[in-house]
Amino acid sequence: MTTHKTSKWLEDRLPVWRDVAAKLDAVERGRYAEPEKVVKVIAAYPEIARDLAVARSEAPRGPLTRSLEQIYLELHRSIFRSPGRWRHDVAALFVSEAAEIAGSLRWHIVWVTALFFASASAGAWLINQYPELVGLFASEAMIEQVQSGRLWTEGLLNVAPSSLLAVQIFTNNIFVSLFAVVVGIFYGLGTAYIIGMNGLMLGAVFSYTAQHGLAEQLFEFIAAHGFVELSVIMVAGACGVSLGEALARPGRETRVQAFQRASMRAAKLMVVCCTFLVGAGLIEGYISPNPSYSLPFRLCIGLGYLALLVVVLSGALSRLPKPRD
């Protein structure tokens, strides 16, 4: 085939390439592709490869060659990439993978939980002995309301609708949890600080409200959402500590490899935890500030939601009998 005939042949093939590109674009962008179109796209792959080889030998840097290379690369990527199974991956994450990660971090969770409750006890003791220090943990408006015999949580539904309140709450909780993970890069010290401060704040606030006879009302307010929120903080703290440990003690891996592995585990586990925080935010926005719900009902909601979190993180879902085909 002479050079002139080859060039003419490549130009005649241009409509075929454009047709393949159009079919590929339709298959890629559509939510459903007809089998006939898919078969045609796959069948065109060896033809495009042959045309590209001819075009490169004839005009390695020509515009037709560059255009054909782009079509070939997109076709190759579309045919040989791994199939997307995001529904299956999400289900596997909640059924088994999150439980495996949580199991590998169980001692980190124990350590973080111990730090939190030790800090809460220290905060309660500090305010019990020195009530004037409550300003370190609560705003002046909160202190004034408690001193007047009311909780700052009263009338929340009068300030903002439940929907807006729920969005604000779970957005803030997700931010705090992710921040507790991220600051673990400081060899775990940043996470330890966040967990310690949250524990001190909780203990101090409960101690101060108890001095004014409002601790029971505060517990009633947090009963529906607090168990899961605190549990997620513990898990987030464990993830942050694991990041710091990967940097401080990478073991047989390099620090980069150990940190990448710890980051991937933390990211997957936090996807599950943030999902539960969204639910906790909805509960805190719709149920917690509503005085019409009794304490037993709130406890049922809070403990039931906590049980669901435990079921997911313990791997109990993976041990359920699977339906037969």
C-alpha atoms as a PDB file:
ATOM      1  CA  MET A   1       0.000   0.000   0.000  1.00  0.00           C
ATOM      2  CA  THR A   2       1.597   3.246  -1.078  1.00  0.00           C
ATOM      3  CA  THR A   3       1.740   6.357   1.067  1.00  0.00           C
ATOM      4  CA  HIS A   4      -0.934   8.146  -0.970  1.00  0.00           C
ATOM      5  CA  LYS A   5      -3.285   5.159  -0.843  1.00  0.00           C
ATOM      6  CA  THR A   6      -2.657   4.755   2.890  1.00  0.00           C
ATOM      7  CA  SER A   7      -3.505   8.402   3.579  1.00  0.00           C
ATOM      8  CA  LYS A   8      -6.652   8.104   1.511  1.00  0.00           C
ATOM      9  CA  TRP A   9      -7.592   4.901   3.329  1.00  0.00           C
ATOM     10  CA  LEU A  10      -7.119   6.581   6.742  1.00  0.00           C
ATOM     11  CA  GLU A  11      -9.323   9.502   5.714  1.00  0.00           C
ATOM     12  CA  ASP A  12     -12.005   7.089   4.529  1.00  0.00           C
ATOM     13  CA  ARG A  13     -11.853   5.342   7.908  1.00  0.00           C
ATOM     14  CA  LEU A  14     -12.465   8.597   9.808  1.00  0.00           C
ATOM     15  CA  PRO A  15     -16.308   8.233   9.816  1.00  0.00           C
ATOM     16  CA  VAL A  16     -15.898   4.712  11.211  1.00  0.00           C
ATOM     17  CA  TRP A  17     -13.770   6.017  14.085  1.00  0.00           C
ATOM     18  CA  ARG A  18     -16.287   8.747  14.846  1.00  0.00           C
ATOM     19  CA  ASP A  19     -19.096   6.201  14.854  1.00  0.00           C
ATOM     20  CA  VAL A  20     -17.157   4.008  17.309  1.00  0.00           C
ATOM     21  CA  ALA A  21     -16.471   7.036  19.517  1.00  0.00           C
ATOM     22  CA  ALA A  22     -20.171   7.950  19.504  1.00  0.00           C
ATOM     23  CA  LYS A  23     -21.201   4.394  20.399  1.00  0.00           C
ATOM     24  CA  LEU A  24     -18.604   4.290  23.182  1.00  0.00           C
ATOM     25  CA  ASP A  25     -19.839   7.599  24.572  1.00  0.00           C
ATOM     26  CA  ALA A  26     -23.418   6.325  24.563  1.00  0.00           C
ATOM     27  CA  VAL A  27     -22.409   3.142  26.379  1.00  0.00           C
ATOM     28  CA  GLU A  28     -20.336   5.035  28.949  1.00  0.00           C
ATOM     29  CA  ARG A  29     -22.831   7.776  29.735  1.00  0.00           C
ATOM     30  CA  GLY A  30     -26.071   5.849  29.616  1.00  0.00           C
ATOM     31  CA  ARG A  31     -27.462   4.080  32.670  1.00  0.00           C
ATOM     32  CA  TYR A  32     -28.397   1.160  30.450  1.00  0.00           C
ATOM     33  CA  ALA A  33     -26.671   0.034  27.239  1.00  0.00           C
ATOM     34  CA  GLU A  34     -28.259  -2.196  24.644  1.00  0.00           C
ATOM     35  CA  PRO A  35     -26.328  -5.459  24.205  1.00  0.00           C
ATOM     36  CA  GLU A  36     -26.013  -4.869  20.452  1.00  0.00           C
ATOM     37  CA  LYS A  37     -24.208  -1.566  21.008  1.00  0.00           C
ATOM     38  CA  VAL A  38     -21.866  -3.109  23.558  1.00  0.00           C
ATOM     39  CA  VAL A  39     -20.999  -5.962  21.181  1.00  0.00           C
ATOM     40  CA  LYS A  40     -20.281  -3.492  18.373  1.00  0.00           C
ATOM     41  CA  VAL A  41     -17.999  -1.439  20.607  1.00  0.00           C
ATOM     42  CA  ILE A  42     -16.044  -4.526  21.658  1.00  0.00           C
ATOM     43  CA  ALA A  43     -15.840  -5.812  18.082  1.00  0.00           C
ATOM     44  CA  ALA A  44     -14.401  -2.462  16.967  1.00  0.00           C
ATOM     45  CA  TYR A  45     -11.472  -2.726  19.395  1.00  0.00           C
ATOM     46  CA  PRO A  46      -9.149  -4.887  17.175  1.00  0.00           C
ATOM     47  CA  GLU A  47     -10.067  -2.807  14.122  1.00  0.00           C
ATOM     48  CA  ILE A  48      -9.154   0.429  15.900  1.00  0.00           C
ATOM     49  CA  ALA A  49      -5.889  -1.155  17.076  1.00  0.00           C
ATOM     50  CA  ARG A  50      -5.054  -2.140  13.480  1.00  0.00           C
ATOM     51  CA  ASP A  51      -5.933   1.318  12.162  1.00  0.00           C
ATOM     52  CA  LEU A  52      -3.787   2.930  14.849  1.00  0.00           C
ATOM     53  CA  ALA A  53      -0.801   0.784  13.921  1.00  0.00           C
ATOM     54  CA  VAL A  54      -1.188   1.839  10.273  1.00  0.00           C
ATOM     55  CA  ALA A  55      -1.656   5.502  11.204  1.00  0.00           C
ATOM     56  CA  ARG A  56       1.453   5.517  13.381  1.00  0.00           C
ATOM     57  CA  SER A  57       3.561   4.058  10.602  1.00  0.00           C
ATOM     58  CA  GLU A  58       2.195   6.530   8.074  1.00  0.00           C
ATOM     59  CA  ALA A  59       1.993   9.743  10.143  1.00  0.00           C
ATOM     60  CA  PRO A  60       3.192   9.265  13.731  1.00  0.00           C
ATOM     61  CA  ARG A  61       2.398  12.860  14.731  1.00  0.00           C
ATOM     62  CA  GLY A  62      -0.457  13.615  12.410  1.00  0.00           C
ATOM     63  CA  PRO A  63      -3.846  14.910  13.587  1.00  0.00           C
ATOM     64  CA  LEU A  64      -5.620  11.739  12.491  1.00  0.00           C
ATOM     65  CA  THR A  65      -3.186   9.630  14.491  1.00  0.00           C
ATOM     66  CA  ARG A  66      -3.665  11.722  17.631  1.00  0.00           C
ATOM     67  CA  SER A  67      -7.434  11.527  17.281  1.00  0.00           C
ATOM     68  CA  LEU A  68      -7.292   7.777  16.787  1.00  0.00           C
ATOM     69  CA  GLU A  69      -4.981   7.340  19.790  1.00  0.00           C
ATOM     70  CA  GLN A  70      -7.524   9.113  21.977  1.00  0.00           C
ATOM     71  CA  ILE A  71     -10.334   6.864  20.757  1.00  0.00           C
ATOM     72  CA  TYR A  72      -8.188   3.764  21.258  1.00  0.00           C
ATOM     73  CA  LEU A  73      -7.216   4.738  24.815  1.00  0.00           C
ATOM     74  CA  GLU A  74     -10.829   5.399  25.813  1.00  0.00           C
ATOM     75  CA  LEU A  75     -11.924   2.137  24.212  1.00  0.00           C
ATOM     76  CA  HIS A  76      -9.165   0.188  25.940  1.00  0.00           C
ATOM     77  CA  ARG A  77      -9.969   1.739  29.319  1.00  0.00           C
ATOM     78  CA  SER A  78     -13.674   1.040  28.952  1.00  0.00           C
ATOM     79  CA  ILE A  79     -13.202  -2.628  27.989  1.00  0.00           C
ATOM     80  CA  PHE A  80     -10.462  -3.639  30.411  1.00  0.00           C
ATOM     81  CA  ARG A  81     -11.319  -1.675  33.559  1.00  0.00           C
ATOM     82  CA  SER A  82     -12.717  -3.526  36.560  1.00  0.00           C
ATOM     83  CA  PRO A  83     -16.523  -3.566  36.730  1.00  0.00           C
ATOM     84  CA  GLY A  84     -18.074  -1.055  39.112  1.00  0.00           C
ATOM     85  CA  ARG A  85     -19.872  -2.746  42.000  1.00  0.00           C
ATOM     86  CA  TRP A  86     -20.463   0.109  44.379  1.00  0.00           C
ATOM     87  CA  ARG A  87     -23.661  -1.369  45.825  1.00  0.00           C
ATOM     88  CA  HIS A  88     -21.883  -4.609  46.583  1.00  0.00           C
ATOM     89  CA  ASP A  89     -18.883  -2.747  48.022  1.00  0.00           C
ATOM     90  CA  VAL A  90     -21.066  -0.595  50.299  1.00  0.00           C
ATOM     91  CA  ALA A  91     -22.972  -3.651  51.515  1.00  0.00           C
ATOM     92  CA  ALA A  92     -19.723  -5.507  52.171  1.00  0.00           C
ATOM     93  CA  LEU A  93     -18.405  -2.517  54.110  1.00  0.00           C
ATOM     94  CA  PHE A  94     -21.379  -2.491  56.482  1.00  0.00           C
ATOM     95  CA  VAL A  95     -21.742  -6.279  56.720  1.00  0.00           C
ATOM     96  CA  SER A  96     -18.176  -7.446  57.253  1.00  0.00           C
ATOM     97  CA  GLU A  97     -15.373  -5.059  56.357  1.00  0.00           C
ATOM     98  CA  ALA A  98     -16.110  -2.413  59.006  1.00  0.00           C
ATOM     99  CA  ALA A  99     -16.276  -5.148  61.640  1.00  0.00           C
ATOM    100  CA  GLU A 100     -12.865  -6.493  60.598  1.00  0.00           C
ATOM    101  CA  ILE A 101     -11.326  -3.026  60.855  1.00  0.00           C
ATOM    102  CA  ALA A 102     -12.984  -2.341  64.208  1.00  0.00           C
ATOM    103  CA  GLY A 103     -11.717  -5.712  65.457  1.00  0.00           C
ATOM    104  CA  SER A 104      -8.164  -4.822  64.475  1.00  0.00           C
ATOM    105  CA  LEU A 105      -8.555  -1.541  66.414  1.00  0.00           C
ATOM    106  CA  ARG A 106     -10.220  -3.025  69.496  1.00  0.00           C
ATOM    107  CA  TRP A 107      -7.356  -2.202  71.854  1.00  0.00           C
ATOM    108  CA  HIS A 108      -7.145   1.307  70.448  1.00  0.00           C
ATOM    109  CA  ILE A 109     -10.876   1.697  71.143  1.00  0.00           C
ATOM    110  CA  VAL A 110     -10.390   0.398  74.703  1.00  0.00           C
ATOM    111  CA  TRP A 111      -7.522   2.823  75.295  1.00  0.00           C
ATOM    112  CA  VAL A 112      -9.416   5.822  73.879  1.00  0.00           C
ATOM    113  CA  THR A 113     -12.555   4.932  75.878  1.00  0.00           C
ATOM    114  CA  ALA A 114     -10.511   4.693  79.080  1.00  0.00           C
ATOM    115  CA  LEU A 115      -8.953   8.085  78.359  1.00  0.00           C
ATOM    116  CA  PHE A 116     -12.364   9.630  77.715  1.00  0.00           C
ATOM    117  CA  PHE A 117     -13.955   8.397  80.933  1.00  0.00           C
ATOM    118  CA  ALA A 118     -10.870   9.243  82.964  1.00  0.00           C
ATOM    119  CA  SER A 119     -11.030  12.766  81.558  1.00  0.00           C
ATOM    120  CA  ALA A 120     -14.785  12.955  82.263  1.00  0.00           C
ATOM    121  CA  SER A 121     -14.168  11.888  85.868  1.00  0.00           C
ATOM    122  CA  ALA A 122     -11.424  14.484  86.199  1.00  0.00           C
ATOM    123  CA  GLY A 123     -13.702  17.189  84.800  1.00  0.00           C
ATOM    124  CA  ALA A 124     -16.516  16.238  87.172  1.00  0.00           C
ATOM    125  CA  TRP A 125     -14.166  16.262  90.170  1.00  0.00           C
ATOM    126  CA  LEU A 126     -12.651  19.603  89.151  1.00  0.00           C
ATOM    127  CA  ILE A 127     -15.995  21.399  88.884  1.00  0.00           C
ATOM    128  CA  ASN A 128     -17.304  19.706  92.004  1.00  0.00           C
ATOM    129  CA  GLN A 129     -14.360  21.106  93.934  1.00  0.00           C
ATOM    130  CA  TYR A 130     -14.014  24.407  92.105  1.00  0.00           C
ATOM    131  CA  PRO A 131     -17.380  25.384  90.520  1.00  0.00           C
ATOM    132  CA  GLU A 132     -16.032  28.771  89.474  1.00  0.00           C
ATOM    133  CA  LEU A 133     -13.866  27.027  86.848  1.00  0.00           C
ATOM    134  CA  VAL A 134     -16.912  25.978  84.824  1.00  0.00           C
ATOM    135  CA  GLY A 135     -16.224  28.949  82.565  1.00  0.00           C
ATOM    136  CA  LEU A 136     -13.373  26.910  81.089  1.00  0.00           C
ATOM    137  CA  PHE A 137     -15.864  24.446  79.621  1.00  0.00           C
ATOM    138  CA  ALA A 138     -19.148  26.328  79.119  1.00  0.00           C
ATOM    139  CA  SER A 139     -20.176  29.675  77.686  1.00  0.00           C
ATOM    140  CA  GLU A 140     -21.530  32.509  79.827  1.00  0.00           C
ATOM    141  CA  ALA A 141     -25.001  32.101  78.317  1.00  0.00           C
ATOM    142  CA  MET A 142     -25.069  28.414  79.255  1.00  0.00           C
ATOM    143  CA  ILE A 143     -23.879  29.166  82.788  1.00  0.00           C
ATOM    144  CA  GLU A 144     -26.506  31.898  83.261  1.00  0.00           C
ATOM    145  CA  GLN A 145     -29.307  29.606  82.102  1.00  0.00           C
ATOM    146  CA  VAL A 146     -28.203  26.804  84.428  1.00  0.00           C
ATOM    147  CA  GLN A 147     -27.980  29.223  87.337  1.00  0.00           C
ATOM    148  CA  SER A 148     -31.521  30.359  86.563  1.00  0.00           C
ATOM    149  CA  GLY A 149     -32.727  26.752  86.730  1.00  0.00           C
ATOM    150  CA  ARG A 150     -33.054  26.043  82.991  1.00  0.00           C
ATOM    151  CA  LEU A 151     -31.048  24.044  80.493  1.00  0.00           C
ATOM    152  CA  TRP A 152     -29.690  25.742  77.392  1.00  0.00           C
ATOM    153  CA  THR A 153     -31.420  22.993  75.377  1.00  0.00           C
ATOM    154  CA  GLU A 154     -34.904  24.279  76.231  1.00  0.00           C
ATOM    155  CA  GLY A 155     -36.722  25.970  73.392  1.00  0.00           C
ATOM    156  CA  LEU A 156     -34.373  24.745  70.655  1.00  0.00           C
ATOM    157  CA  LEU A 157     -37.340  24.010  68.395  1.00  0.00           C
ATOM    158  CA  ASN A 158     -38.451  27.612  68.806  1.00  0.00           C
ATOM    159  CA  VAL A 159     -35.084  28.830  67.499  1.00  0.00           C
ATOM    160  CA  ALA A 160     -34.789  26.593  64.408  1.00  0.00           C
ATOM    161  CA  PRO A 161     -36.945  23.933  62.738  1.00  0.00           C
ATOM    162  CA  SER A 162     -36.057  20.310  63.386  1.00  0.00           C
ATOM    163  CA  SER A 163     -34.779  19.749  59.857  1.00  0.00           C
ATOM    164  CA  LEU A 164     -32.301  22.618  60.014  1.00  0.00           C
ATOM    165  CA  LEU A 165     -31.317  21.698  63.553  1.00  0.00           C
ATOM    166  CA  ALA A 166     -30.623  18.098  62.551  1.00  0.00           C
ATOM    167  CA  VAL A 167     -28.439  19.137  59.595  1.00  0.00           C
ATOM    168  CA  GLN A 168     -26.426  21.521  61.761  1.00  0.00           C
ATOM    169  CA  ILE A 169     -25.954  18.875  64.435  1.00  0.00           C
ATOM    170  CA  PHE A 170     -24.804  15.953  62.312  1.00  0.00           C
ATOM    171  CA  THR A 171     -22.607  18.239  60.186  1.00  0.00           C
ATOM    172  CA  ASN A 172     -20.850  19.477  63.304  1.00  0.00           C
ATOM    173  CA  ASN A 173     -20.539  15.961  64.748  1.00  0.00           C
ATOM    174  CA  ILE A 174     -19.063  14.616  61.504  1.00  0.00           C
ATOM    175  CA  PHE A 175     -16.572  17.475  61.423  1.00  0.00           C
ATOM    176  CA  VAL A 176     -15.482  16.843  65.026  1.00  0.00           C
ATOM    177  CA  SER A 177     -15.108  13.101  64.411  1.00  0.00           C
ATOM    178  CA  LEU A 178     -13.081  13.545  61.230  1.00  0.00           C
ATOM    179  CA  PHE A 179     -10.949  16.180  62.937  1.00  0.00           C
ATOM    180  CA  ALA A 180     -10.220  13.709  65.744  1.00  0.00           C
ATOM    181  CA  VAL A 181      -8.984  11.277  63.101  1.00  0.00           C
ATOM    182  CA  VAL A 182      -6.908  13.749  61.120  1.00  0.00           C
ATOM    183  CA  VAL A 183      -5.012  15.199  64.086  1.00  0.00           C
ATOM    184  CA  GLY A 184      -3.817  11.678  64.808  1.00  0.00           C
ATOM    185  CA  ILE A 185      -0.983  12.406  62.349  1.00  0.00           C
ATOM    186  CA  PHE A 186       0.759  14.157  65.238  1.00  0.00           C
ATOM    187  CA  TYR A 187       1.753  10.726  66.520  1.00  0.00           C
ATOM    188  CA  GLY A 188      -1.653  10.323  68.165  1.00  0.00           C
ATOM    189  CA  LEU A 189      -1.161  13.274  70.520  1.00  0.00           C
ATOM    190  CA  GLY A 190      -3.682  15.453  68.682  1.00  0.00           C
ATOM    191  CA  THR A 191      -6.343  12.778  68.966  1.00  0.00           C
ATOM    192  CA  ALA A 192      -5.572  12.247  72.642  1.00  0.00           C
ATOM    193  CA  TYR A 193      -6.049  15.991  73.201  1.00  0.00           C
ATOM    194  CA  ILE A 194      -9.430  16.034  71.424  1.00  0.00           C
ATOM    195  CA  ILE A 195     -10.674  12.990  73.351  1.00  0.00           C
ATOM    196  CA  GLY A 196      -9.396  14.356  76.650  1.00  0.00           C
ATOM    197  CA  MET A 197     -11.013  17.754  76.138  1.00  0.00           C
ATOM    198  CA  ASN A 198     -14.348  16.228  75.175  1.00  0.00           C
ATOM    199  CA  GLY A 199     -14.245  14.041  78.277  1.00  0.00           C
ATOM    200  CA  LEU A 200     -13.367  16.980  80.530  1.00  0.00           C
ATOM    201  CA  MET A 201     -16.171  19.053  79.021  1.00  0.00           C
ATOM    202  CA  LEU A 202     -18.797  16.327  79.458  1.00  0.00           C
ATOM    203  CA  GLY A 203     -17.808  15.604  83.042  1.00  0.00           C
ATOM    204  CA  ALA A 204     -17.651  19.292  83.932  1.00  0.00           C
ATOM    205  CA  VAL A 205     -21.051  20.083  82.432  1.00  0.00           C
ATOM    206  CA  PHE A 206     -22.740  17.151  84.151  1.00  0.00           C
ATOM    207  CA  SER A 207     -21.145  18.076  87.466  1.00  0.00           C
ATOM    208  CA  TYR A 208     -22.241  21.707  87.182  1.00  0.00           C
ATOM    209  CA  THR A 209     -25.809  20.847  86.167  1.00  0.00           C
ATOM    210  CA  ALA A 210     -25.967  18.343  89.054  1.00  0.00           C
ATOM    211  CA  GLN A 211     -25.105  21.128  91.478  1.00  0.00           C
ATOM    212  CA  HIS A 212     -28.199  22.980  90.240  1.00  0.00           C
ATOM    213  CA  GLY A 213     -30.474  19.949  90.082  1.00  0.00           C
ATOM    214  CA  LEU A 214     -30.503  19.724  86.266  1.00  0.00           C
ATOM    215  CA  ALA A 215     -28.341  16.663  85.602  1.00  0.00           C
ATOM    216  CA  GLU A 216     -31.369  14.402  85.218  1.00  0.00           C
ATOM    217  CA  GLN A 217     -32.883  16.732  82.638  1.00  0.00           C
ATOM    218  CA  LEU A 218     -29.562  16.846  80.770  1.00  0.00           C
ATOM    219  CA  PHE A 219     -29.378  13.047  80.715  1.00  0.00           C
ATOM    220  CA  GLU A 220     -32.962  12.916  79.459  1.00  0.00           C
ATOM    221  CA  PHE A 221     -32.013  15.255  76.623  1.00  0.00           C
ATOM    222  CA  ILE A 222     -29.006  13.216  75.449  1.00  0.00           C
ATOM    223  CA  ALA A 223     -30.468   9.754  76.114  1.00  0.00           C
ATOM    224  CA  ALA A 224     -31.810   9.310  72.589  1.00  0.00           C
ATOM    225  CA  HIS A 225     -28.706  10.355  70.651  1.00  0.00           C
ATOM    226  CA  GLY A 226     -25.785  10.525  73.053  1.00  0.00           C
ATOM    227  CA  PHE A 227     -24.858   6.831  73.208  1.00  0.00           C
ATOM    228  CA  VAL A 228     -24.102   6.583  69.504  1.00  0.00           C
ATOM    229  CA  GLU A 229     -22.434   9.986  69.306  1.00  0.00           C
ATOM    230  CA  LEU A 230     -20.041   9.147  72.138  1.00  0.00           C
ATOM    231  CA  SER A 231     -19.367   5.699  70.692  1.00  0.00           C
ATOM    232  CA  VAL A 232     -18.486   7.183  67.313  1.00  0.00           C
ATOM    233  CA  ILE A 233     -16.124   9.635  69.015  1.00  0.00           C
ATOM    234  CA  MET A 234     -14.368   6.653  70.615  1.00  0.00           C
ATOM    235  CA  VAL A 235     -14.054   4.885  67.266  1.00  0.00           C
ATOM    236  CA  ALA A 236     -12.825   8.058  65.568  1.00  0.00           C
ATOM    237  CA  GLY A 237     -10.262   8.485  68.330  1.00  0.00           C
ATOM    238  CA  ALA A 238      -9.079   4.908  67.805  1.00  0.00           C
ATOM    239  CA  CYS A 239      -8.654   5.616  64.080  1.00  0.00           C
ATOM    240  CA  GLY A 240      -6.645   8.740  64.869  1.00  0.00           C
ATOM    241  CA  VAL A 241      -4.413   6.848  67.301  1.00  0.00           C
ATOM    242  CA  SER A 242      -3.825   4.162  64.665  1.00  0.00           C
ATOM    243  CA  LEU A 243      -2.563   6.848  62.269  1.00  0.00           C
ATOM    244  CA  GLY A 244      -0.122   8.084  64.878  1.00  0.00           C
ATOM    245  CA  GLU A 245       0.996   4.558  65.656  1.00  0.00           C
ATOM    246  CA  ALA A 246       1.615   3.856  61.960  1.00  0.00           C
ATOM    247  CA  LEU A 247       3.983   6.827  61.868  1.00  0.00           C
ATOM    248  CA  ALA A 248       5.677   6.075  65.187  1.00  0.00           C
ATOM    249  CA  ARG A 249       5.880   2.282  64.857  1.00  0.00           C
ATOM    250  CA  PRO A 250       5.545   1.224  61.217  1.00  0.00           C
ATOM    251  CA  GLY A 251       6.904  -2.258  61.928  1.00  0.00           C
ATOM    252  CA  ARG A 252       8.275  -4.101  58.899  1.00  0.00           C
ATOM    253  CA  GLU A 253       6.637  -1.652  56.516  1.00  0.00           C
ATOM    254  CA  THR A 254       7.934   1.758  55.581  1.00  0.00           C
ATOM    255  CA  ARG A 255       6.248   4.700  57.283  1.00  0.00           C
ATOM    256  CA  VAL A 256       4.551   5.634  54.024  1.00  0.00           C
ATOM    257  CA  GLN A 257       3.157   2.118  53.540  1.00  0.00           C
ATOM    258  CA  ALA A 258       2.016   1.824  57.157  1.00  0.00           C
ATOM    259  CA  PHE A 259       0.381   5.261  57.062  1.00  0.00           C
ATOM    260  CA  GLN A 260      -1.399   4.525  53.772  1.00  0.00           C
ATOM    261  CA  ARG A 261      -2.760   1.256  55.149  1.00  0.00           C
ATOM    262  CA  ALA A 262      -3.921   2.910  58.400  1.00  0.00           C
ATOM    263  CA  SER A 263      -5.483   5.801  56.476  1.00  0.00           C
ATOM    264  CA  MET A 264      -7.424   3.446  54.223  1.00  0.00           C
ATOM    265  CA  ARG A 265      -8.758   1.498  57.210  1.00  0.00           C
ATOM    266  CA  ALA A 266      -9.714   4.683  59.028  1.00  0.00           C
ATOM    267  CA  ALA A 267     -11.470   6.114  55.960  1.00  0.00           C
ATOM    268  CA  LYS A 268     -13.590   2.998  55.468  1.00  0.00           C
ATOM    269  CA  LEU A 269     -14.548   2.785  59.135  1.00  0.00           C
ATOM    270  CA  MET A 270     -15.419   6.470  59.286  1.00  0.00           C
ATOM    271  CA  VAL A 271     -17.806   6.091  56.350  1.00  0.00           C
ATOM    272  CA  VAL A 272     -19.862   3.757  58.525  1.00  0.00           C
ATOM    273  CA  CYS A 273     -19.510   5.963  61.604  1.00  0.00           C
ATOM    274  CA  CYS A 274     -20.520   9.133  59.752  1.00  0.00           C
ATOM    275  CA  THR A 275     -23.604   7.337  58.450  1.00  0.00           C
ATOM    276  CA  PHE A 276     -24.613   6.629  62.041  1.00  0.00           C
ATOM    277  CA  LEU A 277     -23.871  10.250  62.968  1.00  0.00           C
ATOM    278  CA  VAL A 278     -26.399  11.383  60.373  1.00  0.00           C
ATOM    279  CA  GLY A 279     -29.010   9.228  62.091  1.00  0.00           C
ATOM    280  CA  ALA A 280     -27.969  10.521  65.514  1.00  0.00           C
ATOM    281  CA  GLY A 281     -28.292  14.088  64.241  1.00  0.00           C
ATOM    282  CA  LEU A 282     -31.801  13.413  63.008  1.00  0.00           C
ATOM    283  CA  ILE A 283     -32.709  11.963  66.399  1.00  0.00           C
ATOM    284  CA  GLU A 284     -31.195  14.959  68.179  1.00  0.00           C
ATOM    285  CA  GLY A 285     -33.045  17.349  65.905  1.00  0.00           C
ATOM    286  CA  TYR A 286     -36.484  15.719  66.002  1.00  0.00           C
ATOM    287  CA  ILE A 287     -36.702  13.765  69.282  1.00  0.00           C
ATOM    288  CA  SER A 288     -34.235  15.117  71.861  1.00  0.00           C
ATOM    289  CA  PRO A 289     -35.570  18.712  72.096  1.00  0.00           C
ATOM    290  CA  ASN A 290     -39.207  17.620  72.018  1.00  0.00           C
ATOM    291  CA  PRO A 291     -40.529  17.482  75.610  1.00  0.00           C
ATOM    292  CA  SER A 292     -43.447  15.260  74.624  1.00  0.00           C
ATOM    293  CA  TYR A 293     -41.175  12.182  74.457  1.00  0.00           C
ATOM    294  CA  SER A 294     -40.701  10.381  77.762  1.00  0.00           C
ATOM    295  CA  LEU A 295     -37.387   9.148  79.156  1.00  0.00           C
ATOM    296  CA  PRO A 296     -38.209   5.429  78.608  1.00  0.00           C
ATOM    297  CA  PHE A 297     -38.974   6.134  74.967  1.00  0.00           C
ATOM    298  CA  ARG A 298     -35.734   8.075  74.577  1.00  0.00           C
ATOM    299  CA  LEU A 299     -33.763   5.248  76.197  1.00  0.00           C
ATOM    300  CA  CYS A 300     -35.350   2.725  73.846  1.00  0.00           C
ATOM    301  CA  ILE A 301     -34.343   4.850  70.863  1.00  0.00           C
ATOM    302  CA  GLY A 302     -30.831   5.529  72.150  1.00  0.00           C
ATOM    303  CA  LEU A 303     -30.010   2.000  73.292  1.00  0.00           C
ATOM    304  CA  GLY A 304     -31.641   0.448  70.230  1.00  0.00           C
ATOM    305  CA  TYR A 305     -29.596   2.663  67.915  1.00  0.00           C
ATOM    306  CA  LEU A 306     -26.464   1.834  69.900  1.00  0.00           C
ATOM    307  CA  ALA A 307     -27.270  -1.875  69.569  1.00  0.00           C
ATOM    308  CA  LEU A 308     -27.487  -1.431  65.793  1.00  0.00           C
ATOM    309  CA  LEU A 309     -24.044   0.201  65.769  1.00  0.00           C
ATOM    310  CA  VAL A 310     -22.637  -2.645  67.862  1.00  0.00           C
ATOM    311  CA  VAL A 311     -24.189  -5.215  65.513  1.00  0.00           C
ATOM    312  CA  VAL A 312     -22.495  -3.588  62.517  1.00  0.00           C
ATOM    313  CA  LEU A 313     -19.084  -3.144  64.170  1.00  0.00           C
ATOM    314  CA  SER A 314     -19.093  -6.598  65.748  1.00  0.00           C
ATOM    315  CA  GLY A 315     -19.659  -8.410  62.465  1.00  0.00           C
ATOM    316  CA  ALA A 316     -22.920  -9.995  63.591  1.00  0.00           C
ATOM    317  CA  LEU A 317     -24.473  -9.255  60.196  1.00  0.00           C
ATOM    318  CA  SER A 318     -21.899 -11.440  58.448  1.00  0.00           C
ATOM    319  CA  ARG A 319     -22.806 -14.376  60.679  1.00  0.00           C
ATOM    320  CA  LEU A 320     -26.475 -14.295  59.771  1.00  0.00           C
ATOM    321  CA  PRO A 321     -27.629 -17.268  57.657  1.00  0.00           C
ATOM    322  CA  LYS A 322     -27.578 -16.444  53.966  1.00  0.00           C
ATOM    323  CA  PRO A 323     -30.580 -17.276  51.777  1.00  0.00           C
ATOM    324  CA  ARG A 324     -30.135 -20.241  49.480  1.00  0.00           C
ATOM    325  CA  ASP A 325     -30.198 -19.783  45.726  1.00  0.00           C
END
